[in-house]
C-alpha cells in the first residue's frame, strides 16, 4: 500500500487550486485525474466573470494558465481513476483503490465535479447511433459544416451553441417556452444566424437518418416534425460525481466532513453554483484547513 498524507481526486479548478495551496504549506499532495487537467472549464466558450480578464477569456486559455502554475509546483499527478474510496477505522485512514494499486491517506479532497444527467430513453437508441449522441462537448468542438442538435436550454447549452454555431448549423431544443439560461447568453444566441432555438419541443424518437446520421422525431405544439442532424449533444443537467465513495454508516460522508478529514470542493458539492472562481476558492479553503491542522492551529 502506498501511503500519502493528502490525496486529491479530480484535476479541475478546485483540485488544482487545492494542490497549489497545499504546496504553500510545504505539504506534498498526490492528485488523481483520469483525463486532462482543467475539468469542465475546458468546455467554456468564454469566461467573463473571473477577475483579472476584463475582456473575458476562453475556458481552454484559462486552463492553460492554470496548468502552467500547477505544473511549476511539480505536483505529483496520476492519470488514473479512483474506483473505490473507503475509510478504515482500525488504521484511521482512507483507503483508495485504482485498477492496479492501493493507497492510504489521512486526508482526502474530492474535487470530481459532476457528470451529465442521463438522457431518458438513451438505452432504446439504436446502438449504431450511440456514437452520434454525446454529452461530451469536446468531442464536437472541432466539427465544421455539421448540423448539431443540443438537447437542453440552460447556460451550458447556450454556451456550447455559441462555440459550435460559428462553423455549424445548431438547433437548441427547449422543452419550455422560456429558457433558464442567462439573458446575456440568450441575447448573443439571438444574434447568431446559424443557431435556432426550438421552444416547447420534445424529442420523441431517434432513428437512423437518410441524409444525415440521426433522424429525430420532434413534438412541437401538439404536432410532429422530423429533423435530421449529424450529432445530438445532450445538455440536460448534471449530477455530483461520487459513485466511487464506499463509506460505512460508522464513517459516513457527513461524519468525515465534520471531522475535517474529507473535503468536498467545487462542483461536486455546489449545486447550481458551478463557477470557476467558487470552485477554486473551495479548493484553497480545504487546503488551508488541512495546512492549519498540520501546524496544530485550532480552527
Protein backbone atom coordinates (compact mmCIF):
# COMPACT_ATOMS: atom_id res chain seq x y z
CA UNK A 1 0.00 0.00 0.00
CA UNK A 2 1.28 3.44 -0.96
CA UNK A 3 0.89 5.99 1.86
CA UNK A 4 0.23 9.70 1.39
CA UNK A 5 -0.77 12.45 3.82
CA UNK A 6 -3.28 14.07 1.45
CA UNK A 7 -4.83 12.82 -1.77
CA UNK A 8 -6.82 15.00 -4.16
CA UNK A 9 -9.29 13.30 -6.50
CA UNK A 10 -10.01 15.45 -9.54
CA UNK A 11 -7.91 17.90 -11.52
CA UNK A 12 -10.34 20.68 -12.34
CA UNK A 13 -10.01 24.23 -10.94
CA UNK A 14 -10.93 23.10 -7.39
CA UNK A 15 -8.42 20.23 -7.27
CA UNK A 16 -5.65 22.23 -8.91
CA UNK A 17 -6.15 25.19 -6.57
CA UNK A 18 -6.11 22.87 -3.54
CA UNK A 19 -2.85 21.31 -4.69
CA UNK A 20 -1.17 24.68 -5.27
CA UNK A 21 -2.24 25.89 -1.82
CA UNK A 22 -1.02 22.71 -0.10
CA UNK A 23 2.38 23.26 -1.68
CA UNK A 24 2.48 26.65 0.04
CA UNK A 25 2.29 24.78 3.36
CA UNK A 26 5.16 22.59 2.18
CA UNK A 27 2.74 19.67 2.08
CA UNK A 28 3.06 17.31 -0.85
CA UNK A 29 -0.30 16.13 -2.19
CA UNK A 30 -0.94 13.36 -4.69
CA UNK A 31 -3.55 14.28 -7.29
CA UNK A 32 -5.56 11.81 -9.37
CA UNK A 33 -7.12 12.92 -12.65
CA UNK A 34 -8.31 10.27 -15.08
CA UNK A 35 -8.47 12.61 -18.08
CA UNK A 36 -6.91 16.01 -18.75
CA UNK A 37 -6.39 18.72 -16.17
CA UNK A 38 -8.96 21.51 -16.26
CA UNK A 39 -12.24 19.65 -15.90
CA UNK A 40 -15.34 21.17 -17.48
CA UNK A 41 -13.65 24.57 -17.68
CA UNK A 42 -12.19 23.31 -20.95
CA UNK A 43 -15.71 23.41 -22.39
CA UNK A 44 -16.37 27.09 -21.64
CA UNK A 45 -16.72 29.25 -24.74
CA UNK A 46 -15.98 32.48 -22.84
CA UNK A 47 -15.35 33.09 -19.13
CA UNK A 48 -16.29 36.68 -18.30
CA UNK A 49 -16.67 36.68 -14.50
CA UNK A 50 -13.19 35.54 -13.46
CA UNK A 51 -11.44 38.65 -12.19
CA UNK A 52 -8.29 39.73 -13.97
CA UNK A 53 -9.59 39.25 -17.51
CA UNK A 54 -11.69 42.33 -18.35
CA UNK A 55 -12.23 41.18 -21.95
CA UNK A 56 -13.04 37.64 -20.91
CA UNK A 57 -11.00 34.53 -21.67
CA UNK A 58 -11.86 31.20 -23.22
CA UNK A 59 -12.04 28.18 -20.97
CA UNK A 60 -9.14 26.49 -22.75
CA UNK A 61 -6.93 29.57 -22.40
CA UNK A 62 -7.70 29.83 -18.68
CA UNK A 63 -6.96 26.13 -18.21
CA UNK A 64 -3.62 26.66 -19.95
CA UNK A 65 -2.72 29.36 -17.41
CA UNK A 66 -3.90 27.19 -14.51
CA UNK A 67 -1.77 24.29 -15.78
CA UNK A 68 1.34 26.47 -16.07
CA UNK A 69 1.08 27.43 -12.40
CA UNK A 70 0.14 23.90 -11.34
CA UNK A 71 2.98 22.23 -13.21
CA UNK A 72 5.52 24.78 -11.96
CA UNK A 73 5.00 23.33 -8.50
CA UNK A 74 5.98 19.84 -9.63
CA UNK A 75 2.83 18.34 -8.09
CA UNK A 76 2.67 14.57 -8.41
CA UNK A 77 -0.22 13.66 -10.73
CA UNK A 78 -1.50 10.24 -11.70
CA UNK A 79 -3.81 9.92 -14.68
CA UNK A 80 -5.89 7.14 -13.19
CA UNK A 81 -9.42 6.86 -11.87
CA UNK A 82 -10.25 6.08 -8.26
CA UNK A 83 -12.56 3.08 -8.32
CA UNK A 84 -13.27 2.98 -4.60
CA UNK A 85 -12.75 5.31 -1.65
CA UNK A 86 -13.37 3.88 1.81
CA UNK A 87 -12.35 4.64 5.37
CA UNK A 88 -10.67 2.12 7.67
CA UNK A 89 -11.42 2.64 11.37
CA UNK A 90 -8.53 0.48 12.53
CA UNK A 91 -5.85 2.47 10.74
CA UNK A 92 -7.87 5.72 10.92
CA UNK A 93 -7.07 6.34 7.27
CA UNK A 94 -8.76 6.43 3.91
CA UNK A 95 -8.14 3.56 1.53
CA UNK A 96 -8.21 4.36 -2.18
CA UNK A 97 -8.23 1.81 -4.95
CA UNK A 98 -7.27 2.25 -8.59
CA UNK A 99 -7.35 -0.53 -11.16
CA UNK A 100 -3.85 -1.62 -10.16
CA UNK A 101 -2.83 -0.15 -6.79
CA UNK A 102 -3.99 0.58 -3.25
CA UNK A 103 -3.29 3.89 -1.48
CA UNK A 104 -3.88 5.22 2.01
CA UNK A 105 -4.27 8.85 3.09
CA UNK A 106 -5.10 10.77 6.24
CA UNK A 107 -6.96 13.47 4.30
CA UNK A 108 -8.86 13.32 1.03
CA UNK A 109 -10.10 16.21 -1.07
CA UNK A 110 -12.82 15.17 -3.51
CA UNK A 111 -12.94 17.52 -6.49
CA UNK A 112 -14.52 15.20 -9.05
CA UNK A 113 -17.13 17.66 -10.28
CA UNK A 114 -20.26 16.44 -12.00
CA UNK A 115 -21.36 14.05 -14.71
CA UNK A 116 -24.03 14.52 -17.32
CA UNK A 117 -27.55 13.58 -16.36
CA UNK A 118 -28.78 10.57 -18.32
CA UNK A 119 -30.94 11.24 -21.33
CA UNK A 120 -34.22 9.34 -20.72
CA UNK A 121 -34.63 6.67 -23.36
CA UNK A 122 -30.99 6.66 -24.43
CA UNK A 123 -30.86 2.88 -23.90
CA UNK A 124 -33.53 2.44 -26.56
CA UNK A 125 -31.50 4.31 -29.17
CA UNK A 126 -30.14 2.08 -31.91
CA UNK A 127 -26.64 1.02 -30.69
CA UNK A 128 -25.22 2.01 -34.10
CA UNK A 129 -26.26 5.59 -33.35
CA UNK A 130 -24.72 5.88 -29.88
CA UNK A 131 -21.54 7.43 -31.26
CA UNK A 132 -23.59 10.30 -32.65
CA UNK A 133 -25.30 11.02 -29.31
CA UNK A 134 -22.93 12.55 -26.76
CA UNK A 135 -22.73 14.67 -23.63
CA UNK A 136 -19.07 15.45 -24.35
CA UNK A 137 -18.84 18.90 -25.90
CA UNK A 138 -15.12 18.49 -26.61
CA UNK A 139 -15.90 15.62 -29.00
CA UNK A 140 -17.64 18.15 -31.26
CA UNK A 141 -15.51 21.21 -30.66
CA UNK A 142 -13.62 20.99 -33.95
CA UNK A 143 -16.55 19.97 -36.16
CA UNK A 144 -17.31 22.11 -39.21
CA UNK A 145 -20.24 22.22 -41.61
CA UNK A 146 -22.26 19.83 -39.47
CA UNK A 147 -25.82 20.01 -38.22
CA UNK A 148 -25.89 19.67 -34.44
CA UNK A 149 -28.85 19.50 -32.11
CA UNK A 150 -28.34 20.48 -28.47
CA UNK A 151 -30.88 18.96 -26.12
CA UNK A 152 -31.34 21.34 -23.20
CA UNK A 153 -31.70 25.10 -22.86
CA UNK A 154 -29.64 26.12 -19.84
CA UNK A 155 -26.39 28.07 -19.63
CA UNK A 156 -24.29 25.14 -20.84
CA UNK A 157 -26.48 24.52 -23.89
CA UNK A 158 -26.39 28.18 -24.96
CA UNK A 159 -22.65 28.45 -24.29
CA UNK A 160 -21.98 25.29 -26.33
CA UNK A 161 -24.11 26.65 -29.17
CA UNK A 162 -22.08 29.87 -29.33
CA UNK A 163 -18.87 27.85 -29.67
CA UNK A 164 -20.29 25.48 -32.27
CA UNK A 165 -22.52 27.92 -34.17
CA UNK A 166 -19.69 29.75 -35.92
CA UNK A 167 -18.94 26.79 -38.18
CA UNK A 168 -22.04 24.59 -37.87
CA UNK A 169 -25.83 24.78 -38.01
CA UNK A 170 -27.10 24.38 -34.44
CA UNK A 171 -30.58 23.72 -33.06
CA UNK A 172 -31.27 24.21 -29.34
CA UNK A 173 -34.20 22.08 -28.15
CA UNK A 174 -36.09 23.59 -25.20
CA UNK A 175 -38.98 21.81 -23.50
CA UNK A 176 -40.43 25.08 -22.24
CA UNK A 177 -41.27 28.47 -23.71
CA UNK A 178 -38.70 30.29 -21.55
CA UNK A 179 -35.08 29.29 -21.18
CA UNK A 180 -33.35 29.35 -17.75
CA UNK A 181 -30.12 30.47 -19.42
CA UNK A 182 -28.52 33.82 -18.63
CA UNK A 183 -30.19 36.69 -20.54
CA UNK A 184 -26.75 37.68 -21.85
CA UNK A 185 -26.32 34.25 -23.48
CA UNK A 186 -29.84 34.30 -24.89
CA UNK A 187 -29.19 37.70 -26.46
CA UNK A 188 -25.95 36.52 -28.05
CA UNK A 189 -27.56 33.36 -29.43
CA UNK A 190 -30.32 35.52 -30.90
CA UNK A 191 -27.71 37.38 -32.95
CA UNK A 192 -26.23 34.22 -34.46
CA UNK A 193 -27.87 33.31 -37.81
CA UNK A 194 -26.77 29.66 -37.68
CA UNK A 195 -28.32 28.98 -34.27
CA UNK A 196 -32.04 28.32 -33.91
CA UNK A 197 -33.95 27.76 -30.67
CA UNK A 198 -36.93 25.37 -30.90
CA UNK A 199 -39.18 26.09 -27.91
CA UNK A 200 -41.77 23.81 -26.32
CA UNK A 201 -40.22 20.90 -28.19
CA UNK A 202 -39.66 17.30 -27.07
CA UNK A 203 -37.52 14.60 -28.72
CA UNK A 204 -39.78 11.57 -29.05
CA UNK A 205 -37.72 9.21 -31.19
CA UNK A 206 -34.20 8.85 -32.60
CA UNK A 207 -33.62 6.77 -35.71
CA UNK A 208 -31.03 6.45 -38.48
CA UNK A 209 -31.22 9.35 -40.90
CA UNK A 210 -31.35 9.26 -44.68
CA UNK A 211 -29.08 12.21 -45.47
CA UNK A 212 -27.52 12.66 -42.02
CA UNK A 213 -26.67 10.31 -39.17
CA UNK A 214 -29.70 10.91 -36.98
CA UNK A 215 -33.38 11.42 -37.74
CA UNK A 216 -35.19 12.98 -34.79
CA UNK A 217 -38.92 12.98 -34.32
CA UNK A 218 -39.85 16.18 -32.50
CA UNK A 219 -43.18 17.05 -30.92
CA UNK A 220 -43.89 20.77 -31.01
CA UNK A 221 -47.24 22.47 -30.42
CA UNK A 222 -49.02 19.11 -30.49
CA UNK A 223 -47.64 18.35 -33.94
CA UNK A 224 -44.79 16.13 -35.10
CA UNK A 225 -41.89 17.17 -37.28
CA UNK A 226 -38.71 15.46 -38.41
CA UNK A 227 -35.20 16.89 -38.19
CA UNK A 228 -32.05 15.23 -39.49
CA UNK A 229 -28.77 16.08 -37.74
CA UNK A 230 -25.21 14.82 -37.66
CA UNK A 231 -24.91 14.87 -33.87
CA UNK A 232 -27.05 15.20 -30.77
CA UNK A 233 -25.34 16.92 -27.82
CA UNK A 234 -27.13 16.24 -24.53
CA UNK A 235 -27.02 19.13 -22.02
CA UNK A 236 -29.96 18.49 -19.71
CA UNK A 237 -28.21 18.99 -16.39
CA UNK A 238 -25.51 17.42 -14.28
CA UNK A 239 -25.29 15.42 -11.05
CA UNK A 240 -22.42 15.11 -8.50
CA UNK A 241 -19.81 12.52 -9.44
CA UNK A 242 -19.40 10.48 -6.28
CA UNK A 243 -20.09 6.91 -7.35
CA UNK A 244 -16.68 5.73 -6.09
CA UNK A 245 -17.48 6.59 -2.45
CA UNK A 246 -17.87 3.44 -0.36
CA UNK A 247 -18.37 4.57 3.23
CA UNK A 248 -19.91 2.67 6.13
CA UNK A 249 -22.61 4.12 8.41
CA UNK A 250 -19.99 4.45 11.17
CA UNK A 251 -17.86 6.61 8.88
CA UNK A 252 -20.40 8.42 6.76
CA UNK A 253 -19.63 11.26 4.40
CA UNK A 254 -21.16 13.80 6.80
CA UNK A 255 -19.14 12.49 9.75
CA UNK A 256 -15.83 12.60 7.89
CA UNK A 257 -16.57 16.07 6.56
CA UNK A 258 -17.41 17.35 10.06
CA UNK A 259 -14.15 15.85 11.36
CA UNK A 260 -12.19 17.74 8.67
CA UNK A 261 -10.85 14.55 7.16
CA UNK A 262 -12.92 14.53 3.98
CA UNK A 263 -13.38 17.69 1.91
CA UNK A 264 -15.83 18.01 -0.97
CA UNK A 265 -14.91 21.01 -3.11
CA UNK A 266 -16.08 22.61 -6.32
CA UNK A 267 -18.95 21.44 -8.49
CA UNK A 268 -19.28 18.10 -6.69
CA UNK A 269 -20.93 19.98 -3.81
CA UNK A 270 -22.00 23.34 -5.19
CA UNK A 271 -25.31 22.62 -6.92
CA UNK A 272 -26.16 25.47 -9.28
CA UNK A 273 -23.16 27.49 -8.02
CA UNK A 274 -20.92 25.94 -10.67
CA UNK A 275 -18.43 28.73 -11.25
CA UNK A 276 -14.67 28.57 -11.69
CA UNK A 277 -13.99 31.22 -9.05
CA UNK A 278 -16.16 29.42 -6.47
CA UNK A 279 -14.54 26.06 -7.22
CA UNK A 280 -11.03 27.47 -6.90
CA UNK A 281 -11.99 29.17 -3.63
CA UNK A 282 -13.37 25.89 -2.27
CA UNK A 283 -10.11 24.13 -3.10
CA UNK A 284 -7.98 26.79 -1.43
CA UNK A 285 -10.21 26.78 1.68
CA UNK A 286 -9.90 22.99 2.05
CA UNK A 287 -6.12 23.13 1.65
CA UNK A 288 -5.88 25.90 4.25
CA UNK A 289 -7.83 23.82 6.77
CA UNK A 290 -5.52 20.85 6.19
CA UNK A 291 -2.46 23.10 6.40
CA UNK A 292 -3.55 24.71 9.66
CA UNK A 293 -4.43 21.33 11.11
CA UNK A 294 -0.94 20.10 10.19
CA UNK A 295 0.52 23.09 12.04
CA UNK A 296 -1.62 22.32 15.10
CA UNK A 297 -3.66 25.51 14.79
CA UNK A 298 -7.20 25.43 16.16
CA UNK A 299 -9.89 26.27 13.61
